[in-house]
Amino acid sequence: MDRFQVLVGNIGQVYAGDDWREATRIYGEYKRQSENEFGRAAGEDVTLMRDGAPHWEHIGSASERD
Protein backbone atom coordinates (compact mmCIF):
# COMPACT_ATOMS: atom_id res chain seq x y z
CA MET A 1 0.00 0.00 0.00
CA ASP A 2 1.30 3.46 -0.92
CA ARG A 3 2.17 6.01 1.75
CA PHE A 4 1.65 9.70 1.11
CA GLN A 5 2.90 12.88 2.73
CA VAL A 6 2.12 16.50 1.99
CA LEU A 7 4.88 18.94 2.90
CA VAL A 8 4.48 22.72 2.95
CA GLY A 9 7.52 25.03 3.03
CA ASN A 10 7.66 26.75 6.40
CA ILE A 11 4.84 24.69 7.94
CA GLY A 12 6.25 21.19 7.48
CA GLN A 13 4.26 17.97 7.16
CA VAL A 14 0.52 18.61 6.97
CA TYR A 15 -0.57 15.08 5.98
CA ALA A 16 0.80 11.56 6.35
CA GLY A 17 -1.23 8.47 5.51
CA ASP A 18 -2.37 6.02 2.89
CA ASP A 19 -5.46 7.81 1.54
CA TRP A 20 -4.68 9.07 -1.99
CA ARG A 21 -7.89 11.07 -2.24
CA GLU A 22 -7.23 12.88 1.06
CA ALA A 23 -3.58 13.51 0.19
CA THR A 24 -4.48 15.09 -3.16
CA ARG A 25 -7.25 17.17 -1.56
CA ILE A 26 -4.86 18.56 1.04
CA TYR A 27 -2.12 19.13 -1.55
CA GLY A 28 -4.60 21.07 -3.70
CA GLU A 29 -5.76 23.21 -0.79
CA TYR A 30 -2.25 24.21 0.24
CA LYS A 31 -1.24 24.78 -3.39
CA ARG A 32 -4.18 27.21 -3.76
CA GLN A 33 -3.17 29.00 -0.56
CA SER A 34 0.40 29.30 -1.84
CA GLU A 35 -0.69 30.63 -5.24
CA ASN A 36 -3.15 33.10 -3.68
CA GLU A 37 -0.62 34.34 -1.09
CA PHE A 38 -2.97 33.31 1.73
CA GLY A 39 -2.04 32.47 5.32
CA ARG A 40 1.12 30.68 6.44
CA ALA A 41 1.28 28.80 3.12
CA ALA A 42 1.53 32.06 1.12
CA GLY A 43 4.19 31.65 -1.55
CA GLU A 44 5.50 28.41 -0.07
CA ASP A 45 6.54 25.23 -1.88
CA VAL A 46 4.02 22.38 -1.62
CA THR A 47 5.07 18.77 -2.27
CA LEU A 48 3.06 15.57 -2.43
CA MET A 49 5.34 12.64 -1.60
CA ARG A 50 4.51 9.07 -2.60
CA ASP A 51 6.49 6.34 -0.86
CA GLY A 52 9.22 8.84 0.06
CA ALA A 53 9.70 10.35 -3.40
CA PRO A 54 8.24 13.60 -4.79
CA HIS A 55 5.15 12.86 -6.89
CA TRP A 56 3.83 16.42 -7.43
CA GLU A 57 5.58 19.65 -6.57
CA HIS A 58 4.46 23.26 -6.61
CA ILE A 59 7.30 25.80 -6.41
CA GLY A 60 6.00 28.85 -4.58
CA SER A 61 6.85 32.47 -5.24
CA ALA A 62 8.90 32.64 -2.01
CA SER A 63 11.37 30.16 -3.55
CA GLU A 64 11.53 32.09 -6.79
CA ARG A 65 12.79 35.15 -4.90
CA ASP A 66 15.69 33.30 -3.25
PDB file of N, CA and C in Angstrom:
ATOM      1  N   MET A   1       0.846  -1.193   0.000  1.00  0.00           N
ATOM      2  CA  MET A   1       0.000   0.000   0.000  1.00  0.00           C
ATOM      3  C   MET A   1       0.882   1.244   0.000  1.00  0.00           C
ATOM      4  N   ASP A   2       0.539   2.218  -0.816  1.00  0.00           N
ATOM      5  CA  ASP A   2       1.298   3.464  -0.918  1.00  0.00           C
ATOM      6  C   ASP A   2       1.139   4.302   0.345  1.00  0.00           C
ATOM      7  N   ARG A   3       2.195   5.044   0.657  1.00  0.00           N
ATOM      8  CA  ARG A   3       2.171   6.011   1.751  1.00  0.00           C
ATOM      9  C   ARG A   3       2.363   7.393   1.150  1.00  0.00           C
ATOM     10  N   PHE A   4       1.606   8.341   1.639  1.00  0.00           N
ATOM     11  CA  PHE A   4       1.650   9.696   1.108  1.00  0.00           C
ATOM     12  C   PHE A   4       1.949  10.689   2.225  1.00  0.00           C
ATOM     13  N   GLN A   5       2.652  11.750   1.848  1.00  0.00           N
ATOM     14  CA  GLN A   5       2.898  12.878   2.734  1.00  0.00           C
ATOM     15  C   GLN A   5       2.690  14.143   1.922  1.00  0.00           C
ATOM     16  N   VAL A   6       2.187  15.171   2.591  1.00  0.00           N
ATOM     17  CA  VAL A   6       2.122  16.498   1.987  1.00  0.00           C
ATOM     18  C   VAL A   6       2.985  17.402   2.857  1.00  0.00           C
ATOM     19  N   LEU A   7       3.946  18.054   2.207  1.00  0.00           N
ATOM     20  CA  LEU A   7       4.877  18.936   2.895  1.00  0.00           C
ATOM     21  C   LEU A   7       4.680  20.354   2.386  1.00  0.00           C
ATOM     22  N   VAL A   8       4.658  21.316   3.314  1.00  0.00           N
ATOM     23  CA  VAL A   8       4.478  22.718   2.953  1.00  0.00           C
ATOM     24  C   VAL A   8       5.634  23.511   3.550  1.00  0.00           C
ATOM     25  N   GLY A   9       6.375  24.194   2.675  1.00  0.00           N
ATOM     26  CA  GLY A   9       7.516  25.033   3.027  1.00  0.00           C
ATOM     27  C   GLY A   9       7.772  25.254   4.500  1.00  0.00           C
ATOM     28  N   ASN A  10       7.346  26.379   5.028  1.00  0.00           N
ATOM     29  CA  ASN A  10       7.663  26.750   6.400  1.00  0.00           C
ATOM     30  C   ASN A  10       6.744  26.110   7.434  1.00  0.00           C
ATOM     31  N   ILE A  11       5.749  25.349   7.004  1.00  0.00           N
ATOM     32  CA  ILE A  11       4.835  24.687   7.944  1.00  0.00           C
ATOM     33  C   ILE A  11       5.342  23.293   8.281  1.00  0.00           C
ATOM     34  N   GLY A  12       5.797  22.559   7.285  1.00  0.00           N
ATOM     35  CA  GLY A  12       6.251  21.188   7.483  1.00  0.00           C
ATOM     36  C   GLY A  12       5.213  20.200   6.977  1.00  0.00           C
ATOM     37  N   GLN A  13       5.184  19.034   7.587  1.00  0.00           N
ATOM     38  CA  GLN A  13       4.262  17.973   7.161  1.00  0.00           C
ATOM     39  C   GLN A  13       2.841  18.305   7.606  1.00  0.00           C
ATOM     40  N   VAL A  14       1.914  18.319   6.648  1.00  0.00           N
ATOM     41  CA  VAL A  14       0.515  18.610   6.967  1.00  0.00           C
ATOM     42  C   VAL A  14      -0.377  17.391   6.752  1.00  0.00           C
ATOM     43  N   TYR A  15       0.165  16.332   6.146  1.00  0.00           N
ATOM     44  CA  TYR A  15      -0.572  15.079   5.983  1.00  0.00           C
ATOM     45  C   TYR A  15       0.424  13.933   5.872  1.00  0.00           C
ATOM     46  N   ALA A  16       0.069  12.820   6.506  1.00  0.00           N
ATOM     47  CA  ALA A  16       0.800  11.560   6.348  1.00  0.00           C
ATOM     48  C   ALA A  16      -0.224  10.444   6.473  1.00  0.00           C
ATOM     49  N   GLY A  17      -0.281   9.573   5.474  1.00  0.00           N
ATOM     50  CA  GLY A  17      -1.232   8.475   5.514  1.00  0.00           C
ATOM     51  C   GLY A  17      -1.272   7.725   4.202  1.00  0.00           C
ATOM     52  N   ASP A  18      -2.278   6.853   4.087  1.00  0.00           N
ATOM     53  CA  ASP A  18      -2.367   6.015   2.892  1.00  0.00           C
ATOM     54  C   ASP A  18      -3.585   6.310   2.027  1.00  0.00           C
ATOM     55  N   ASP A  19      -4.248   7.429   2.274  1.00  0.00           N
ATOM     56  CA  ASP A  19      -5.459   7.809   1.539  1.00  0.00           C
ATOM     57  C   ASP A  19      -5.103   8.782   0.407  1.00  0.00           C
ATOM     58  N   TRP A  20      -5.037   8.264  -0.827  1.00  0.00           N
ATOM     59  CA  TRP A  20      -4.678   9.075  -1.992  1.00  0.00           C
ATOM     60  C   TRP A  20      -5.617  10.258  -2.172  1.00  0.00           C
ATOM     61  N   ARG A  21      -6.894  10.007  -2.041  1.00  0.00           N
ATOM     62  CA  ARG A  21      -7.885  11.069  -2.235  1.00  0.00           C
ATOM     63  C   ARG A  21      -7.674  12.207  -1.230  1.00  0.00           C
ATOM     64  N   GLU A  22      -7.457  11.867   0.022  1.00  0.00           N
ATOM     65  CA  GLU A  22      -7.231  12.880   1.056  1.00  0.00           C
ATOM     66  C   GLU A  22      -5.908  13.615   0.824  1.00  0.00           C
ATOM     67  N   ALA A  23      -4.876  12.891   0.450  1.00  0.00           N
ATOM     68  CA  ALA A  23      -3.578  13.513   0.187  1.00  0.00           C
ATOM     69  C   ALA A  23      -3.677  14.519  -0.953  1.00  0.00           C
ATOM     70  N   THR A  24      -4.360  14.167  -2.027  1.00  0.00           N
ATOM     71  CA  THR A  24      -4.480  15.088  -3.159  1.00  0.00           C
ATOM     72  C   THR A  24      -5.370  16.275  -2.816  1.00  0.00           C
ATOM     73  N   ARG A  25      -6.381  16.061  -1.992  1.00  0.00           N
ATOM     74  CA  ARG A  25      -7.247  17.169  -1.558  1.00  0.00           C
ATOM     75  C   ARG A  25      -6.444  18.182  -0.745  1.00  0.00           C
ATOM     76  N   ILE A  26      -5.662  17.685   0.191  1.00  0.00           N
ATOM     77  CA  ILE A  26      -4.861  18.562   1.043  1.00  0.00           C
ATOM     78  C   ILE A  26      -3.777  19.259   0.228  1.00  0.00           C
ATOM     79  N   TYR A  27      -3.125  18.526  -0.665  1.00  0.00           N
ATOM     80  CA  TYR A  27      -2.125  19.130  -1.549  1.00  0.00           C
ATOM     81  C   TYR A  27      -2.761  20.290  -2.331  1.00  0.00           C
ATOM     82  N   GLY A  28      -3.921  20.042  -2.920  1.00  0.00           N
ATOM     83  CA  GLY A  28      -4.604  21.072  -3.698  1.00  0.00           C
ATOM     84  C   GLY A  28      -4.949  22.294  -2.877  1.00  0.00           C
ATOM     85  N   GLU A  29      -5.397  22.089  -1.655  1.00  0.00           N
ATOM     86  CA  GLU A  29      -5.759  23.210  -0.788  1.00  0.00           C
ATOM     87  C   GLU A  29      -4.541  24.068  -0.464  1.00  0.00           C
ATOM     88  N   TYR A  30      -3.442  23.432  -0.085  1.00  0.00           N
ATOM     89  CA  TYR A  30      -2.245  24.208   0.239  1.00  0.00           C
ATOM     90  C   TYR A  30      -1.618  24.837  -1.002  1.00  0.00           C
ATOM     91  N   LYS A  31      -1.721  24.194  -2.144  1.00  0.00           N
ATOM     92  CA  LYS A  31      -1.235  24.784  -3.388  1.00  0.00           C
ATOM     93  C   LYS A  31      -2.016  26.060  -3.703  1.00  0.00           C
ATOM     94  N   ARG A  32      -3.345  26.016  -3.540  1.00  0.00           N
ATOM     95  CA  ARG A  32      -4.177  27.213  -3.761  1.00  0.00           C
ATOM     96  C   ARG A  32      -3.788  28.332  -2.797  1.00  0.00           C
ATOM     97  N   GLN A  33      -3.571  27.981  -1.536  1.00  0.00           N
ATOM     98  CA  GLN A  33      -3.172  28.997  -0.556  1.00  0.00           C
ATOM     99  C   GLN A  33      -1.835  29.620  -0.944  1.00  0.00           C
ATOM    100  N   SER A  34      -0.896  28.797  -1.407  1.00  0.00           N
ATOM    101  CA  SER A  34       0.403  29.302  -1.837  1.00  0.00           C
ATOM    102  C   SER A  34       0.249  30.246  -3.026  1.00  0.00           C
ATOM    103  N   GLU A  35      -0.489  29.825  -4.029  1.00  0.00           N
ATOM    104  CA  GLU A  35      -0.687  30.633  -5.244  1.00  0.00           C
ATOM    105  C   GLU A  35      -1.408  31.942  -4.943  1.00  0.00           C
ATOM    106  N   ASN A  36      -2.343  31.912  -3.997  1.00  0.00           N
ATOM    107  CA  ASN A  36      -3.150  33.096  -3.679  1.00  0.00           C
ATOM    108  C   ASN A  36      -2.552  33.937  -2.560  1.00  0.00           C
ATOM    109  N   GLU A  37      -1.307  33.585  -2.143  1.00  0.00           N
ATOM    110  CA  GLU A  37      -0.624  34.340  -1.092  1.00  0.00           C
ATOM    111  C   GLU A  37      -1.490  34.457   0.163  1.00  0.00           C
ATOM    112  N   PHE A  38      -2.050  33.323   0.598  1.00  0.00           N
ATOM    113  CA  PHE A  38      -2.974  33.305   1.731  1.00  0.00           C
ATOM    114  C   PHE A  38      -2.373  32.543   2.907  1.00  0.00           C
ATOM    115  N   GLY A  39      -2.420  33.153   4.091  1.00  0.00           N
ATOM    116  CA  GLY A  39      -2.041  32.468   5.324  1.00  0.00           C
ATOM    117  C   GLY A  39      -0.567  32.081   5.387  1.00  0.00           C
ATOM    118  N   ARG A  40      -0.261  31.117   6.253  1.00  0.00           N
ATOM    119  CA  ARG A  40       1.124  30.678   6.443  1.00  0.00           C
ATOM    120  C   ARG A  40       1.686  29.978   5.215  1.00  0.00           C
ATOM    121  N   ALA A  41       0.824  29.481   4.331  1.00  0.00           N
ATOM    122  CA  ALA A  41       1.284  28.798   3.125  1.00  0.00           C
ATOM    123  C   ALA A  41       1.557  29.766   1.971  1.00  0.00           C
ATOM    124  N   ALA A  42       1.360  31.058   2.189  1.00  0.00           N
ATOM    125  CA  ALA A  42       1.525  32.056   1.124  1.00  0.00           C
ATOM    126  C   ALA A  42       2.905  31.967   0.491  1.00  0.00           C
ATOM    127  N   GLY A  43       2.951  31.687  -0.801  1.00  0.00           N
ATOM    128  CA  GLY A  43       4.192  31.655  -1.551  1.00  0.00           C
ATOM    129  C   GLY A  43       5.109  30.482  -1.264  1.00  0.00           C
ATOM    130  N   GLU A  44       4.651  29.542  -0.471  1.00  0.00           N
ATOM    131  CA  GLU A  44       5.498  28.413  -0.068  1.00  0.00           C
ATOM    132  C   GLU A  44       5.455  27.275  -1.086  1.00  0.00           C
ATOM    133  N   ASP A  45       6.518  26.454  -1.089  1.00  0.00           N
ATOM    134  CA  ASP A  45       6.535  25.229  -1.881  1.00  0.00           C
ATOM    135  C   ASP A  45       5.586  24.220  -1.253  1.00  0.00           C
ATOM    136  N   VAL A  46       4.923  23.433  -2.089  1.00  0.00           N
ATOM    137  CA  VAL A  46       4.024  22.375  -1.617  1.00  0.00           C
ATOM    138  C   VAL A  46       4.395  21.104  -2.382  1.00  0.00           C
ATOM    139  N   THR A  47       4.632  20.019  -1.644  1.00  0.00           N
ATOM    140  CA  THR A  47       5.068  18.774  -2.268  1.00  0.00           C
ATOM    141  C   THR A  47       4.211  17.618  -1.790  1.00  0.00           C
ATOM    142  N   LEU A  48       3.758  16.823  -2.735  1.00  0.00           N
ATOM    143  CA  LEU A  48       3.063  15.565  -2.433  1.00  0.00           C
ATOM    144  C   LEU A  48       4.075  14.444  -2.634  1.00  0.00           C
ATOM    145  N   MET A  49       4.390  13.749  -1.562  1.00  0.00           N
ATOM    146  CA  MET A  49       5.341  12.641  -1.599  1.00  0.00           C
ATOM    147  C   MET A  49       4.570  11.328  -1.687  1.00  0.00           C
ATOM    148  N   ARG A  50       5.096  10.406  -2.484  1.00  0.00           N
ATOM    149  CA  ARG A  50       4.510   9.074  -2.596  1.00  0.00           C
ATOM    150  C   ARG A  50       5.619   8.060  -2.335  1.00  0.00           C
ATOM    151  N   ASP A  51       5.480   7.320  -1.267  1.00  0.00           N
ATOM    152  CA  ASP A  51       6.494   6.344  -0.858  1.00  0.00           C
ATOM    153  C   ASP A  51       7.885   6.978  -0.765  1.00  0.00           C
ATOM    154  N   GLY A  52       7.950   8.176  -0.208  1.00  0.00           N
ATOM    155  CA  GLY A  52       9.215   8.836   0.058  1.00  0.00           C
ATOM    156  C   GLY A  52       9.829   9.614  -1.087  1.00  0.00           C
ATOM    157  N   ALA A  53       9.174   9.625  -2.241  1.00  0.00           N
ATOM    158  CA  ALA A  53       9.697  10.355  -3.396  1.00  0.00           C
ATOM    159  C   ALA A  53       8.691  11.414  -3.840  1.00  0.00           C
ATOM    160  N   PRO A  54       9.171  12.577  -4.309  1.00  0.00           N
ATOM    161  CA  PRO A  54       8.237  13.599  -4.789  1.00  0.00           C
ATOM    162  C   PRO A  54       7.382  13.068  -5.944  1.00  0.00           C
ATOM    163  N   HIS A  55       6.080  13.284  -5.843  1.00  0.00           N
ATOM    164  CA  HIS A  55       5.151  12.861  -6.888  1.00  0.00           C
ATOM    165  C   HIS A  55       4.645  14.099  -7.639  1.00  0.00           C
ATOM    166  N   TRP A  56       4.219  15.117  -6.874  1.00  0.00           N
ATOM    167  CA  TRP A  56       3.827  16.421  -7.428  1.00  0.00           C
ATOM    168  C   TRP A  56       4.539  17.480  -6.617  1.00  0.00           C
ATOM    169  N   GLU A  57       4.914  18.574  -7.280  1.00  0.00           N
ATOM    170  CA  GLU A  57       5.578  19.648  -6.572  1.00  0.00           C
ATOM    171  C   GLU A  57       5.173  20.996  -7.142  1.00  0.00           C
ATOM    172  N   HIS A  58       4.765  21.873  -6.252  1.00  0.00           N
ATOM    173  CA  HIS A  58       4.457  23.260  -6.608  1.00  0.00           C
ATOM    174  C   HIS A  58       5.570  24.115  -6.025  1.00  0.00           C
ATOM    175  N   ILE A  59       6.247  24.885  -6.862  1.00  0.00           N
ATOM    176  CA  ILE A  59       7.296  25.795  -6.406  1.00  0.00           C
ATOM    177  C   ILE A  59       6.650  27.156  -6.179  1.00  0.00           C
ATOM    178  N   GLY A  60       6.651  27.591  -4.947  1.00  0.00           N
ATOM    179  CA  GLY A  60       6.003  28.847  -4.582  1.00  0.00           C
ATOM    180  C   GLY A  60       6.825  30.067  -4.931  1.00  0.00           C
ATOM    181  N   SER A  61       6.185  31.197  -4.898  1.00  0.00           N
ATOM    182  CA  SER A  61       6.846  32.465  -5.241  1.00  0.00           C
ATOM    183  C   SER A  61       7.936  32.826  -4.245  1.00  0.00           C
ATOM    184  N   ALA A  62       7.853  32.359  -2.999  1.00  0.00           N
ATOM    185  CA  ALA A  62       8.902  32.636  -2.014  1.00  0.00           C
ATOM    186  C   ALA A  62      10.210  32.000  -2.453  1.00  0.00           C
ATOM    187  N   SER A  63      10.171  30.821  -3.054  1.00  0.00           N
ATOM    188  CA  SER A  63      11.372  30.156  -3.550  1.00  0.00           C
ATOM    189  C   SER A  63      11.951  30.861  -4.758  1.00  0.00           C
ATOM    190  N   GLU A  64      11.085  31.422  -5.568  1.00  0.00           N
ATOM    191  CA  GLU A  64      11.530  32.087  -6.786  1.00  0.00           C
ATOM    192  C   GLU A  64      12.303  33.355  -6.470  1.00  0.00           C
ATOM    193  N   ARG A  65      12.097  33.933  -5.286  1.00  0.00           N
ATOM    194  CA  ARG A  65      12.787  35.153  -4.899  1.00  0.00           C
ATOM    195  C   ARG A  65      14.165  34.867  -4.322  1.00  0.00           C
ATOM    196  N   ASP A  66      14.408  33.641  -3.885  1.00  0.00           N
ATOM    197  CA  ASP A  66      15.694  33.296  -3.249  1.00  0.00           C
ATOM    198  C   ASP A  66      16.826  33.288  -4.237  1.00  0.00           C
TER     199      ASP A  66
END
